[in-house]
Amino acid sequence: MITLIPLQKVLTSIIIIYVVTILTVATFFGITGYGSILLTVRGAFVLELVLLIFVGFWWRLLWIKFPILNKWVFPDLNGEWKVDIHWNRGNDKGFKTASAHIRQDFFRLSMELISDKSESEALMVKPKKDPESKRPMLYYIYRNESAQGIEAPEPPHKGAAILKLDLNDQNILKGNYFTDRATKGHFKLQRN
């Protein structure tokens, strides 16, 4: 999510607010010299601690309390998702189900996809918003390997998909995918 926010502007804003607050407090209490330096160091420590706690834990509480942030910034996609996979390889077509585990914090987004015959690890999951419609989407690049102990395992392969959030339901992601073994298809993820 942090990649969706202009980080330089956020940091600049925080620094300006911090400096103005420290200078105002120091001036109000008549603190000068060594006292103002000590106040600045203490303030920096407290600010750093608050930011660390926010990006680690509180951001989800903020998203719950103010659901509009799901639209303004990016939706909270954490959780378990049921996945329908429609695939094509040459003239062969098929369907299988899987489960996806999405983990999201303020700095990272990851996704694992697990089916009865294989597991996919994310090489990259990048949140993005369509520049025109502001529709949330994920750029998902993955590496798939056959599950341990299955008969006739297939060699590992890589694939990519662009998953878009459904316009009417924040609990559905869907999109086309393709792989380096000449398969293609469609993913539909629905939050459990």
N, C-alpha and C. Protein backbone atom coordinates (compact mmCIF):
# COMPACT_ATOMS: atom_id res chain seq x y z
N MET A 1 0.81 -1.19 0.00
CA MET A 1 0.00 0.00 0.00
C MET A 1 0.85 1.26 0.00
N ILE A 2 1.97 1.21 0.68
CA ILE A 2 2.80 2.40 0.76
C ILE A 2 3.27 2.82 -0.62
N THR A 3 3.35 1.87 -1.55
CA THR A 3 3.76 2.21 -2.91
C THR A 3 2.71 3.03 -3.64
N LEU A 4 1.48 3.02 -3.14
CA LEU A 4 0.41 3.80 -3.76
C LEU A 4 0.40 5.24 -3.29
N ILE A 5 1.06 5.49 -2.17
CA ILE A 5 1.11 6.83 -1.60
C ILE A 5 2.46 7.44 -1.96
N PRO A 6 2.50 8.69 -2.39
CA PRO A 6 3.80 9.29 -2.69
C PRO A 6 4.61 9.43 -1.39
N LEU A 7 5.54 8.51 -1.19
CA LEU A 7 6.28 8.39 0.06
C LEU A 7 7.05 9.66 0.40
N GLN A 8 7.62 10.31 -0.59
CA GLN A 8 8.38 11.53 -0.34
C GLN A 8 7.49 12.61 0.27
N LYS A 9 6.27 12.73 -0.22
CA LYS A 9 5.34 13.74 0.31
C LYS A 9 4.92 13.38 1.74
N VAL A 10 4.69 12.09 1.99
CA VAL A 10 4.31 11.66 3.34
C VAL A 10 5.42 11.96 4.33
N LEU A 11 6.65 11.57 4.00
CA LEU A 11 7.77 11.81 4.90
C LEU A 11 8.02 13.30 5.10
N THR A 12 7.94 14.08 4.03
CA THR A 12 8.12 15.52 4.14
C THR A 12 7.06 16.12 5.06
N SER A 13 5.82 15.69 4.91
CA SER A 13 4.73 16.20 5.76
C SER A 13 4.97 15.85 7.22
N ILE A 14 5.39 14.62 7.49
CA ILE A 14 5.64 14.19 8.87
C ILE A 14 6.79 15.01 9.47
N ILE A 15 7.85 15.22 8.70
CA ILE A 15 9.00 15.99 9.20
C ILE A 15 8.59 17.43 9.49
N ILE A 16 7.83 18.04 8.60
CA ILE A 16 7.39 19.43 8.81
C ILE A 16 6.50 19.53 10.05
N ILE A 17 5.55 18.61 10.18
CA ILE A 17 4.67 18.61 11.36
C ILE A 17 5.49 18.43 12.63
N TYR A 18 6.45 17.52 12.59
CA TYR A 18 7.29 17.26 13.75
C TYR A 18 8.09 18.50 14.15
N VAL A 19 8.77 19.11 13.18
CA VAL A 19 9.61 20.28 13.47
C VAL A 19 8.76 21.43 14.00
N VAL A 20 7.63 21.69 13.38
CA VAL A 20 6.76 22.77 13.84
C VAL A 20 6.25 22.49 15.25
N THR A 21 5.88 21.24 15.52
CA THR A 21 5.39 20.88 16.86
C THR A 21 6.48 21.06 17.90
N ILE A 22 7.69 20.55 17.63
CA ILE A 22 8.79 20.68 18.59
C ILE A 22 9.13 22.15 18.83
N LEU A 23 9.23 22.93 17.76
CA LEU A 23 9.55 24.35 17.93
C LEU A 23 8.47 25.09 18.70
N THR A 24 7.21 24.75 18.45
CA THR A 24 6.11 25.38 19.17
C THR A 24 6.16 25.03 20.65
N VAL A 25 6.36 23.75 20.96
CA VAL A 25 6.43 23.33 22.36
C VAL A 25 7.63 23.97 23.06
N ALA A 26 8.79 23.96 22.39
CA ALA A 26 10.00 24.56 22.98
C ALA A 26 9.81 26.04 23.22
N THR A 27 9.22 26.76 22.27
CA THR A 27 8.99 28.20 22.43
C THR A 27 7.98 28.46 23.53
N PHE A 28 6.90 27.69 23.58
CA PHE A 28 5.85 27.88 24.58
C PHE A 28 6.40 27.70 26.00
N PHE A 29 7.26 26.70 26.19
CA PHE A 29 7.82 26.44 27.51
C PHE A 29 9.14 27.16 27.76
N GLY A 30 9.60 27.93 26.79
CA GLY A 30 10.84 28.68 26.95
C GLY A 30 12.07 27.80 27.01
N ILE A 31 12.05 26.69 26.33
CA ILE A 31 13.19 25.77 26.33
C ILE A 31 14.15 26.18 25.23
N THR A 32 15.41 26.36 25.61
CA THR A 32 16.43 26.74 24.62
C THR A 32 17.68 25.93 24.87
N GLY A 33 18.61 25.99 23.95
CA GLY A 33 19.92 25.35 24.11
C GLY A 33 19.82 23.84 24.22
N TYR A 34 20.52 23.28 25.24
CA TYR A 34 20.59 21.83 25.42
C TYR A 34 19.19 21.23 25.64
N GLY A 35 18.33 21.95 26.33
CA GLY A 35 16.98 21.46 26.60
C GLY A 35 16.18 21.23 25.33
N SER A 36 16.34 22.10 24.36
CA SER A 36 15.59 21.93 23.11
C SER A 36 16.14 20.74 22.31
N ILE A 37 17.46 20.51 22.39
CA ILE A 37 18.04 19.35 21.69
C ILE A 37 17.53 18.06 22.33
N LEU A 38 17.50 18.01 23.67
CA LEU A 38 17.00 16.84 24.38
C LEU A 38 15.53 16.59 24.06
N LEU A 39 14.74 17.67 24.03
CA LEU A 39 13.33 17.55 23.68
C LEU A 39 13.17 17.02 22.26
N THR A 40 14.01 17.47 21.34
CA THR A 40 13.95 17.02 19.95
C THR A 40 14.27 15.53 19.85
N VAL A 41 15.30 15.07 20.56
CA VAL A 41 15.67 13.66 20.51
C VAL A 41 14.56 12.80 21.10
N ARG A 42 14.00 13.21 22.23
CA ARG A 42 12.89 12.46 22.84
C ARG A 42 11.69 12.44 21.90
N GLY A 43 11.40 13.58 21.32
CA GLY A 43 10.27 13.66 20.38
C GLY A 43 10.47 12.75 19.17
N ALA A 44 11.70 12.73 18.66
CA ALA A 44 12.00 11.87 17.51
C ALA A 44 11.80 10.40 17.87
N PHE A 45 12.23 10.01 19.08
CA PHE A 45 12.05 8.63 19.53
C PHE A 45 10.57 8.27 19.62
N VAL A 46 9.78 9.15 20.23
CA VAL A 46 8.34 8.89 20.37
C VAL A 46 7.67 8.82 19.00
N LEU A 47 8.02 9.73 18.10
CA LEU A 47 7.46 9.73 16.75
C LEU A 47 7.82 8.43 16.03
N GLU A 48 9.05 8.01 16.14
CA GLU A 48 9.51 6.77 15.50
C GLU A 48 8.74 5.57 16.04
N LEU A 49 8.53 5.54 17.35
CA LEU A 49 7.79 4.44 17.98
C LEU A 49 6.33 4.42 17.51
N VAL A 50 5.70 5.58 17.46
CA VAL A 50 4.31 5.68 17.01
C VAL A 50 4.19 5.22 15.55
N LEU A 51 5.11 5.68 14.70
CA LEU A 51 5.06 5.27 13.28
C LEU A 51 5.27 3.77 13.13
N LEU A 52 6.19 3.19 13.89
CA LEU A 52 6.44 1.76 13.84
C LEU A 52 5.20 0.97 14.24
N ILE A 53 4.56 1.37 15.32
CA ILE A 53 3.34 0.69 15.77
C ILE A 53 2.23 0.88 14.74
N PHE A 54 2.11 2.08 14.17
CA PHE A 54 1.07 2.33 13.18
C PHE A 54 1.22 1.42 11.97
N VAL A 55 2.41 1.40 11.37
CA VAL A 55 2.57 0.63 10.14
C VAL A 55 2.53 -0.87 10.42
N GLY A 56 2.82 -1.28 11.63
CA GLY A 56 2.76 -2.70 11.95
C GLY A 56 1.39 -3.19 12.32
N PHE A 57 0.61 -2.39 13.05
CA PHE A 57 -0.63 -2.90 13.61
C PHE A 57 -1.83 -1.97 13.39
N TRP A 58 -1.68 -0.71 13.70
CA TRP A 58 -2.83 0.18 13.76
C TRP A 58 -3.46 0.50 12.42
N TRP A 59 -2.72 0.35 11.32
CA TRP A 59 -3.29 0.73 10.04
C TRP A 59 -4.56 -0.06 9.75
N ARG A 60 -4.60 -1.35 10.15
CA ARG A 60 -5.81 -2.15 9.90
C ARG A 60 -6.98 -1.65 10.74
N LEU A 61 -6.69 -1.22 11.98
CA LEU A 61 -7.76 -0.66 12.81
C LEU A 61 -8.29 0.63 12.19
N LEU A 62 -7.39 1.43 11.64
CA LEU A 62 -7.78 2.66 10.97
C LEU A 62 -8.67 2.35 9.76
N TRP A 63 -8.31 1.30 9.00
CA TRP A 63 -9.10 0.90 7.82
C TRP A 63 -10.47 0.38 8.25
N ILE A 64 -10.55 -0.29 9.40
CA ILE A 64 -11.84 -0.79 9.90
C ILE A 64 -12.70 0.38 10.37
N LYS A 65 -12.09 1.31 11.10
CA LYS A 65 -12.85 2.45 11.64
C LYS A 65 -13.29 3.41 10.53
N PHE A 66 -12.44 3.56 9.50
CA PHE A 66 -12.76 4.46 8.39
C PHE A 66 -12.73 3.66 7.09
N PRO A 67 -13.81 2.94 6.77
CA PRO A 67 -13.83 2.09 5.58
C PRO A 67 -13.60 2.85 4.27
N ILE A 68 -13.78 4.14 4.27
CA ILE A 68 -13.55 4.93 3.06
C ILE A 68 -12.08 4.83 2.62
N LEU A 69 -11.17 4.50 3.56
CA LEU A 69 -9.76 4.33 3.20
C LEU A 69 -9.55 3.17 2.23
N ASN A 70 -10.46 2.17 2.28
CA ASN A 70 -10.40 1.08 1.31
C ASN A 70 -10.55 1.60 -0.11
N LYS A 71 -11.28 2.68 -0.25
CA LYS A 71 -11.49 3.27 -1.57
C LYS A 71 -10.43 4.33 -1.88
N TRP A 72 -10.11 5.16 -0.91
CA TRP A 72 -9.18 6.26 -1.13
C TRP A 72 -7.75 5.78 -1.32
N VAL A 73 -7.30 4.83 -0.50
CA VAL A 73 -5.91 4.38 -0.56
C VAL A 73 -5.86 3.04 -1.30
N PHE A 74 -6.20 1.96 -0.61
CA PHE A 74 -6.23 0.63 -1.21
C PHE A 74 -6.94 -0.29 -0.22
N PRO A 75 -7.74 -1.25 -0.71
CA PRO A 75 -8.47 -2.11 0.22
C PRO A 75 -7.57 -3.07 0.99
N ASP A 76 -8.02 -3.43 2.17
CA ASP A 76 -7.35 -4.43 2.98
C ASP A 76 -7.74 -5.80 2.42
N LEU A 77 -6.80 -6.51 1.85
CA LEU A 77 -7.06 -7.80 1.20
C LEU A 77 -6.63 -8.99 2.05
N ASN A 78 -6.20 -8.76 3.27
CA ASN A 78 -5.75 -9.84 4.15
C ASN A 78 -6.80 -10.93 4.25
N GLY A 79 -6.32 -12.17 4.27
CA GLY A 79 -7.24 -13.27 4.55
C GLY A 79 -7.10 -14.45 3.61
N GLU A 80 -8.06 -15.36 3.78
CA GLU A 80 -8.13 -16.59 2.98
C GLU A 80 -9.11 -16.36 1.84
N TRP A 81 -8.74 -16.82 0.66
CA TRP A 81 -9.56 -16.64 -0.53
C TRP A 81 -9.73 -18.00 -1.22
N LYS A 82 -10.93 -18.29 -1.69
CA LYS A 82 -11.21 -19.47 -2.51
C LYS A 82 -10.90 -19.08 -3.95
N VAL A 83 -10.19 -19.95 -4.66
CA VAL A 83 -9.75 -19.62 -6.02
C VAL A 83 -10.32 -20.62 -7.02
N ASP A 84 -10.97 -20.11 -8.05
CA ASP A 84 -11.38 -20.92 -9.20
C ASP A 84 -10.40 -20.64 -10.33
N ILE A 85 -9.83 -21.70 -10.88
CA ILE A 85 -8.83 -21.55 -11.95
C ILE A 85 -9.37 -22.24 -13.21
N HIS A 86 -9.58 -21.47 -14.25
CA HIS A 86 -9.95 -21.99 -15.57
C HIS A 86 -8.70 -21.93 -16.41
N TRP A 87 -8.26 -23.08 -16.98
CA TRP A 87 -7.01 -23.10 -17.72
C TRP A 87 -7.19 -23.66 -19.12
N ASN A 88 -6.30 -23.23 -20.01
CA ASN A 88 -6.23 -23.73 -21.39
C ASN A 88 -4.78 -24.04 -21.70
N ARG A 89 -4.55 -25.21 -22.30
CA ARG A 89 -3.23 -25.56 -22.82
C ARG A 89 -3.45 -26.23 -24.17
N GLY A 90 -3.20 -25.48 -25.23
CA GLY A 90 -3.50 -25.97 -26.57
C GLY A 90 -5.00 -26.20 -26.70
N ASN A 91 -5.40 -27.43 -27.03
CA ASN A 91 -6.83 -27.76 -27.15
C ASN A 91 -7.42 -28.25 -25.83
N ASP A 92 -6.57 -28.48 -24.84
CA ASP A 92 -7.06 -28.96 -23.54
C ASP A 92 -7.55 -27.79 -22.69
N LYS A 93 -8.67 -28.02 -22.01
CA LYS A 93 -9.23 -27.02 -21.10
C LYS A 93 -9.57 -27.71 -19.80
N GLY A 94 -9.58 -26.95 -18.73
CA GLY A 94 -9.91 -27.55 -17.45
C GLY A 94 -10.26 -26.52 -16.40
N PHE A 95 -10.61 -27.05 -15.24
CA PHE A 95 -11.00 -26.22 -14.11
C PHE A 95 -10.48 -26.88 -12.85
N LYS A 96 -9.98 -26.08 -11.93
CA LYS A 96 -9.58 -26.60 -10.63
C LYS A 96 -9.81 -25.52 -9.58
N THR A 97 -9.84 -25.95 -8.35
CA THR A 97 -9.99 -25.00 -7.25
C THR A 97 -8.71 -24.99 -6.42
N ALA A 98 -8.52 -23.90 -5.73
CA ALA A 98 -7.35 -23.74 -4.87
C ALA A 98 -7.73 -22.77 -3.76
N SER A 99 -6.78 -22.51 -2.89
CA SER A 99 -6.99 -21.48 -1.87
C SER A 99 -5.80 -20.53 -1.93
N ALA A 100 -6.09 -19.29 -1.66
CA ALA A 100 -5.03 -18.27 -1.64
C ALA A 100 -4.97 -17.68 -0.25
N HIS A 101 -3.76 -17.39 0.18
CA HIS A 101 -3.53 -16.75 1.47
C HIS A 101 -2.86 -15.40 1.17
N ILE A 102 -3.58 -14.32 1.42
CA ILE A 102 -3.04 -12.99 1.17
C ILE A 102 -2.67 -12.37 2.51
N ARG A 103 -1.42 -11.91 2.59
CA ARG A 103 -0.93 -11.20 3.77
C ARG A 103 -0.51 -9.82 3.33
N GLN A 104 -1.04 -8.84 4.03
CA GLN A 104 -0.80 -7.45 3.65
C GLN A 104 -0.49 -6.65 4.90
N ASP A 105 0.54 -5.84 4.83
CA ASP A 105 0.75 -4.84 5.85
C ASP A 105 1.00 -3.51 5.13
N PHE A 106 1.45 -2.53 5.86
CA PHE A 106 1.56 -1.20 5.26
C PHE A 106 2.65 -1.12 4.21
N PHE A 107 3.63 -2.04 4.26
CA PHE A 107 4.75 -2.00 3.32
C PHE A 107 4.77 -3.16 2.33
N ARG A 108 4.17 -4.29 2.67
CA ARG A 108 4.29 -5.49 1.85
C ARG A 108 2.94 -6.13 1.57
N LEU A 109 2.94 -6.88 0.48
CA LEU A 109 1.76 -7.66 0.10
C LEU A 109 2.29 -8.97 -0.45
N SER A 110 1.79 -10.09 0.05
CA SER A 110 2.22 -11.39 -0.45
C SER A 110 1.00 -12.28 -0.66
N MET A 111 1.18 -13.27 -1.52
CA MET A 111 0.09 -14.18 -1.82
C MET A 111 0.66 -15.56 -2.10
N GLU A 112 0.09 -16.57 -1.48
CA GLU A 112 0.43 -17.95 -1.75
C GLU A 112 -0.83 -18.63 -2.26
N LEU A 113 -0.69 -19.43 -3.30
CA LEU A 113 -1.81 -20.14 -3.88
C LEU A 113 -1.53 -21.63 -3.75
N ILE A 114 -2.45 -22.38 -3.16
CA ILE A 114 -2.24 -23.79 -2.89
C ILE A 114 -3.43 -24.59 -3.43
N SER A 115 -3.11 -25.61 -4.26
CA SER A 115 -4.14 -26.53 -4.74
C SER A 115 -3.76 -27.94 -4.30
N ASP A 116 -4.56 -28.90 -4.68
CA ASP A 116 -4.26 -30.28 -4.29
C ASP A 116 -3.00 -30.81 -4.97
N LYS A 117 -2.61 -30.23 -6.11
CA LYS A 117 -1.46 -30.74 -6.85
C LYS A 117 -0.27 -29.80 -6.91
N SER A 118 -0.43 -28.56 -6.48
CA SER A 118 0.70 -27.63 -6.60
C SER A 118 0.59 -26.48 -5.60
N GLU A 119 1.72 -25.78 -5.48
CA GLU A 119 1.79 -24.57 -4.66
C GLU A 119 2.48 -23.48 -5.45
N SER A 120 1.96 -22.27 -5.31
CA SER A 120 2.57 -21.12 -5.99
C SER A 120 3.07 -20.14 -4.95
N GLU A 121 4.30 -19.70 -5.15
CA GLU A 121 4.84 -18.66 -4.29
C GLU A 121 4.92 -17.38 -5.10
N ALA A 122 4.64 -16.27 -4.46
CA ALA A 122 4.67 -14.99 -5.16
C ALA A 122 6.11 -14.53 -5.34
N LEU A 123 6.46 -14.21 -6.56
CA LEU A 123 7.73 -13.56 -6.83
C LEU A 123 7.56 -12.06 -6.70
N MET A 124 6.35 -11.58 -7.03
CA MET A 124 6.02 -10.17 -6.88
C MET A 124 4.51 -10.03 -6.81
N VAL A 125 4.04 -9.27 -5.86
CA VAL A 125 2.65 -8.86 -5.81
C VAL A 125 2.68 -7.36 -5.60
N LYS A 126 2.20 -6.63 -6.59
CA LYS A 126 2.27 -5.17 -6.52
C LYS A 126 0.87 -4.59 -6.59
N PRO A 127 0.46 -3.85 -5.55
CA PRO A 127 -0.84 -3.19 -5.62
C PRO A 127 -0.77 -2.01 -6.58
N LYS A 128 -1.82 -1.80 -7.28
CA LYS A 128 -1.87 -0.72 -8.27
C LYS A 128 -3.30 -0.24 -8.36
N LYS A 129 -3.46 0.98 -8.78
CA LYS A 129 -4.79 1.51 -9.07
C LYS A 129 -4.81 1.96 -10.52
N ASP A 130 -5.88 1.63 -11.19
CA ASP A 130 -6.01 2.07 -12.57
C ASP A 130 -5.94 3.59 -12.59
N PRO A 131 -5.11 4.17 -13.45
CA PRO A 131 -4.93 5.62 -13.45
C PRO A 131 -6.20 6.40 -13.74
N GLU A 132 -7.09 5.82 -14.52
CA GLU A 132 -8.32 6.54 -14.89
C GLU A 132 -9.48 6.23 -13.95
N SER A 133 -9.77 4.93 -13.76
CA SER A 133 -10.96 4.55 -12.98
C SER A 133 -10.69 4.44 -11.49
N LYS A 134 -9.41 4.37 -11.09
CA LYS A 134 -8.99 4.18 -9.69
C LYS A 134 -9.39 2.80 -9.16
N ARG A 135 -9.66 1.87 -10.06
CA ARG A 135 -10.01 0.51 -9.67
C ARG A 135 -8.77 -0.20 -9.13
N PRO A 136 -8.85 -0.79 -7.92
CA PRO A 136 -7.70 -1.50 -7.36
C PRO A 136 -7.40 -2.78 -8.13
N MET A 137 -6.11 -3.07 -8.28
CA MET A 137 -5.68 -4.30 -8.94
C MET A 137 -4.36 -4.76 -8.36
N LEU A 138 -4.04 -6.01 -8.63
CA LEU A 138 -2.77 -6.58 -8.21
C LEU A 138 -2.03 -7.09 -9.43
N TYR A 139 -0.77 -6.74 -9.54
CA TYR A 139 0.11 -7.37 -10.52
C TYR A 139 0.75 -8.53 -9.76
N TYR A 140 0.53 -9.74 -10.25
CA TYR A 140 0.93 -10.95 -9.54
C TYR A 140 1.82 -11.80 -10.44
N ILE A 141 3.07 -11.97 -10.04
CA ILE A 141 4.00 -12.85 -10.74
C ILE A 141 4.37 -13.96 -9.77
N TYR A 142 4.29 -15.19 -10.24
CA TYR A 142 4.45 -16.32 -9.33
C TYR A 142 5.29 -17.44 -9.94
N ARG A 143 5.74 -18.33 -9.05
CA ARG A 143 6.44 -19.55 -9.45
C ARG A 143 5.65 -20.70 -8.86
N ASN A 144 5.26 -21.65 -9.71
CA ASN A 144 4.44 -22.79 -9.30
C ASN A 144 5.26 -24.06 -9.33
N GLU A 145 5.14 -24.86 -8.27
CA GLU A 145 5.79 -26.16 -8.18
C GLU A 145 4.77 -27.21 -7.80
N SER A 146 4.99 -28.43 -8.29
CA SER A 146 4.12 -29.54 -7.91
C SER A 146 4.24 -29.80 -6.42
N ALA A 147 3.13 -30.22 -5.82
CA ALA A 147 3.13 -30.54 -4.39
C ALA A 147 3.96 -31.79 -4.13
N GLN A 148 4.47 -31.90 -2.92
CA GLN A 148 5.28 -33.06 -2.54
C GLN A 148 4.43 -34.33 -2.60
N GLY A 149 5.01 -35.39 -3.14
CA GLY A 149 4.38 -36.70 -3.08
C GLY A 149 3.32 -36.99 -4.13
N ILE A 150 3.08 -36.12 -5.10
CA ILE A 150 2.08 -36.45 -6.11
C ILE A 150 2.73 -37.26 -7.23
N GLU A 151 1.91 -38.09 -7.89
CA GLU A 151 2.42 -38.86 -9.00
C GLU A 151 2.59 -37.96 -10.21
N ALA A 152 3.58 -38.22 -11.00
CA ALA A 152 3.88 -37.48 -12.24
C ALA A 152 3.92 -35.96 -12.02
N PRO A 153 4.84 -35.49 -11.16
CA PRO A 153 4.92 -34.04 -10.94
C PRO A 153 5.37 -33.32 -12.22
N GLU A 154 4.85 -32.14 -12.40
CA GLU A 154 5.23 -31.33 -13.56
C GLU A 154 6.40 -30.45 -13.17
N PRO A 155 7.23 -30.05 -14.14
CA PRO A 155 8.33 -29.16 -13.81
C PRO A 155 7.80 -27.80 -13.35
N PRO A 156 8.57 -27.10 -12.53
CA PRO A 156 8.14 -25.77 -12.08
C PRO A 156 7.95 -24.83 -13.28
N HIS A 157 7.04 -23.90 -13.09
CA HIS A 157 6.83 -22.90 -14.14
C HIS A 157 6.52 -21.56 -13.49
N LYS A 158 6.64 -20.51 -14.28
CA LYS A 158 6.34 -19.16 -13.82
C LYS A 158 5.14 -18.63 -14.57
N GLY A 159 4.41 -17.75 -13.90
CA GLY A 159 3.23 -17.17 -14.53
C GLY A 159 3.00 -15.75 -14.03
N ALA A 160 2.09 -15.08 -14.68
CA ALA A 160 1.75 -13.71 -14.32
C ALA A 160 0.26 -13.47 -14.53
N ALA A 161 -0.28 -12.60 -13.70
CA ALA A 161 -1.70 -12.25 -13.82
C ALA A 161 -1.89 -10.82 -13.37
N ILE A 162 -2.92 -10.21 -13.89
CA ILE A 162 -3.39 -8.93 -13.39
C ILE A 162 -4.77 -9.20 -12.82
N LEU A 163 -4.89 -9.08 -11.50
CA LEU A 163 -6.14 -9.37 -10.80
C LEU A 163 -6.80 -8.05 -10.43
N LYS A 164 -8.03 -7.87 -10.88
CA LYS A 164 -8.77 -6.63 -10.61
C LYS A 164 -9.87 -6.90 -9.60
N LEU A 165 -10.05 -5.94 -8.71
CA LEU A 165 -11.12 -6.03 -7.74
C LEU A 165 -12.45 -5.83 -8.45
N ASP A 166 -13.42 -6.67 -8.15
CA ASP A 166 -14.73 -6.57 -8.77
C ASP A 166 -15.35 -5.21 -8.45
N LEU A 167 -15.98 -4.61 -9.43
CA LEU A 167 -16.57 -3.27 -9.24
C LEU A 167 -17.70 -3.26 -8.22
N ASN A 168 -18.40 -4.39 -8.07
CA ASN A 168 -19.56 -4.43 -7.17
C ASN A 168 -19.32 -5.19 -5.88
N ASP A 169 -18.20 -5.89 -5.77
CA ASP A 169 -17.96 -6.72 -4.59
C ASP A 169 -16.49 -6.67 -4.22
N GLN A 170 -16.17 -6.07 -3.08
CA GLN A 170 -14.78 -5.93 -2.61
C GLN A 170 -14.18 -7.27 -2.17
N ASN A 171 -14.95 -8.34 -2.24
CA ASN A 171 -14.47 -9.66 -1.84
C ASN A 171 -14.19 -10.56 -3.03
N ILE A 172 -14.12 -9.99 -4.23
CA ILE A 172 -13.83 -10.77 -5.43
C ILE A 172 -12.71 -10.10 -6.22
N LEU A 173 -11.69 -10.89 -6.54
CA LEU A 173 -10.61 -10.49 -7.44
C LEU A 173 -10.66 -11.42 -8.64
N LYS A 174 -10.50 -10.88 -9.84
CA LYS A 174 -10.47 -11.76 -11.00
C LYS A 174 -9.60 -11.19 -12.09
N GLY A 175 -9.08 -12.10 -12.91
CA GLY A 175 -8.23 -11.66 -14.01
C GLY A 175 -7.63 -12.82 -14.77
N ASN A 176 -7.09 -12.50 -15.93
CA ASN A 176 -6.46 -13.49 -16.79
C ASN A 176 -5.02 -13.73 -16.36
N TYR A 177 -4.52 -14.92 -16.68
CA TYR A 177 -3.12 -15.23 -16.41
C TYR A 177 -2.53 -15.95 -17.60
N PHE A 178 -1.21 -16.00 -17.65
CA PHE A 178 -0.48 -16.79 -18.64
C PHE A 178 0.78 -17.31 -17.97
N THR A 179 1.33 -18.39 -18.54
CA THR A 179 2.53 -18.99 -17.95
C THR A 179 3.61 -19.20 -19.02
N ASP A 180 4.80 -19.54 -18.55
CA ASP A 180 5.90 -19.79 -19.49
C ASP A 180 5.86 -21.20 -20.07
N ARG A 181 4.84 -21.98 -19.78
CA ARG A 181 4.68 -23.29 -20.41
C ARG A 181 3.49 -23.31 -21.37
N ALA A 182 3.17 -22.14 -21.88
CA ALA A 182 2.13 -21.97 -22.91
C ALA A 182 0.73 -22.31 -22.41
N THR A 183 0.47 -22.08 -21.14
CA THR A 183 -0.90 -22.19 -20.65
C THR A 183 -1.40 -20.79 -20.37
N LYS A 184 -2.68 -20.66 -20.39
CA LYS A 184 -3.32 -19.39 -20.05
C LYS A 184 -4.65 -19.71 -19.43
N GLY A 185 -5.26 -18.70 -18.86
CA GLY A 185 -6.55 -18.95 -18.24
C GLY A 185 -7.05 -17.75 -17.48
N HIS A 186 -7.87 -18.07 -16.48
CA HIS A 186 -8.56 -17.02 -15.74
C HIS A 186 -8.62 -17.43 -14.27
N PHE A 187 -8.28 -16.51 -13.39
CA PHE A 187 -8.41 -16.69 -11.93
C PHE A 187 -9.65 -15.94 -11.45
N LYS A 188 -10.36 -16.54 -10.51
CA LYS A 188 -11.39 -15.81 -9.77
C LYS A 188 -11.19 -16.14 -8.29
N LEU A 189 -10.87 -15.11 -7.49
CA LEU A 189 -10.64 -15.27 -6.08
C LEU A 189 -11.82 -14.67 -5.33
N GLN A 190 -12.35 -15.42 -4.36
CA GLN A 190 -13.44 -14.92 -3.53
C GLN A 190 -13.05 -15.09 -2.08
N ARG A 191 -13.13 -13.99 -1.33
CA ARG A 191 -12.72 -14.02 0.08
C ARG A 191 -13.65 -14.92 0.88
N ASN A 192 -13.05 -15.78 1.73
CA ASN A 192 -13.84 -16.65 2.59
C ASN A 192 -14.50 -15.87 3.70
